[in-house]
Protein backbone atom coordinates (compact mmCIF):
# COMPACT_ATOMS: atom_id res chain seq x y z
CA MET A 1 317.10 151.33 73.82
CA PRO A 2 316.21 151.52 77.52
CA TYR A 3 312.52 151.83 78.27
CA ILE A 4 311.20 152.73 81.71
CA ASN A 5 307.51 152.57 82.62
CA VAL A 6 306.64 154.54 85.76
CA GLN A 7 303.20 154.00 87.24
CA ILE A 8 302.00 156.46 89.86
CA THR A 9 298.66 157.51 91.24
CA GLU A 10 297.24 160.71 89.76
CA GLY A 11 298.26 164.02 91.21
CA ALA A 12 301.89 164.68 90.28
CA THR A 13 302.55 168.09 88.77
CA ARG A 14 304.12 168.55 85.36
CA GLU A 15 307.26 169.80 87.10
CA GLN A 16 307.44 166.67 89.27
CA LYS A 17 307.06 164.42 86.24
CA ALA A 18 309.75 166.37 84.39
CA GLN A 19 312.08 165.87 87.36
CA ILE A 20 311.38 162.12 87.36
CA VAL A 21 312.25 161.91 83.66
CA LYS A 22 315.40 164.00 84.15
CA ASP A 23 316.63 161.98 87.13
CA MET A 24 315.93 158.58 85.59
CA THR A 25 317.65 159.59 82.38
CA LYS A 26 320.67 160.82 84.32
CA THR A 27 320.82 157.53 86.25
CA LEU A 28 320.80 155.41 83.08
CA VAL A 29 323.48 157.62 81.53
CA ASN A 30 325.68 157.43 84.65
CA VAL A 31 325.17 153.78 85.57
CA LEU A 32 324.72 152.05 82.21
CA ARG A 33 326.45 154.62 79.96
CA LYS A 34 323.34 154.88 77.77
CA LYS A 35 322.85 157.80 75.42
CA PRO A 36 320.02 160.12 76.51
CA GLU A 37 318.55 160.11 73.00
CA HIS A 38 318.03 156.35 73.30
CA ILE A 39 316.17 156.46 76.62
CA HIS A 40 312.38 156.33 76.66
CA ILE A 41 310.38 156.97 79.83
CA VAL A 42 306.61 156.65 80.05
CA ILE A 43 304.68 157.91 83.05
CA GLN A 44 301.26 156.37 83.53
CA GLU A 45 298.95 157.99 86.03
CA ILE A 46 296.50 155.57 87.59
CA LYS A 47 293.30 156.65 89.34
CA GLU A 48 293.45 155.81 93.03
CA GLU A 49 290.29 153.71 92.65
CA ASN A 50 292.32 151.48 90.28
CA TRP A 51 295.34 151.03 92.59
CA GLY A 52 295.46 148.63 95.51
CA PHE A 53 297.44 149.12 98.70
CA GLU A 54 297.45 147.11 101.94
CA GLY A 55 294.60 144.94 100.73
CA MET A 56 292.28 147.77 99.72
CA LEU A 57 291.84 150.35 96.99
CA THR A 58 294.05 153.39 97.53
CA ASP A 59 291.17 155.87 97.63
CA ASP A 60 289.50 153.80 100.39
CA TRP A 61 292.82 153.46 102.23
CA LYS A 62 293.33 157.24 102.14
CA LYS A 63 289.80 157.83 103.47
CA LEU A 64 290.41 155.37 106.28
CA THR A 65 293.80 156.80 107.24
CA SER A 66 292.65 160.41 106.99
CA ALA A 67 289.64 159.58 109.21
CA GLY A 68 292.04 158.04 111.72
CA ARG A 69 294.23 161.15 111.68
CA SER A 70 291.17 163.40 112.13
CA LYS A 71 290.14 161.48 115.27
CA LYS A 72 293.63 161.81 116.75
CA THR A 73 293.64 165.57 116.30
CA GLU A 74 290.22 166.08 117.91
């Protein structure tokens, strides 16, 4: 019984999550010859304030990088 746990930051649409489940299921069927009815996929959405990236929280990182992009466009 394959189990896949996908952790992403919040914001994916229902359609995007459905595509992730479809594609991962297809991969396990094709590569490992698993039956789709035995495959379990869990998507956990994590708030950006609870996810770290490049040594800082993701929401802070996005603020910093978006501020940098704003200055370049001025």
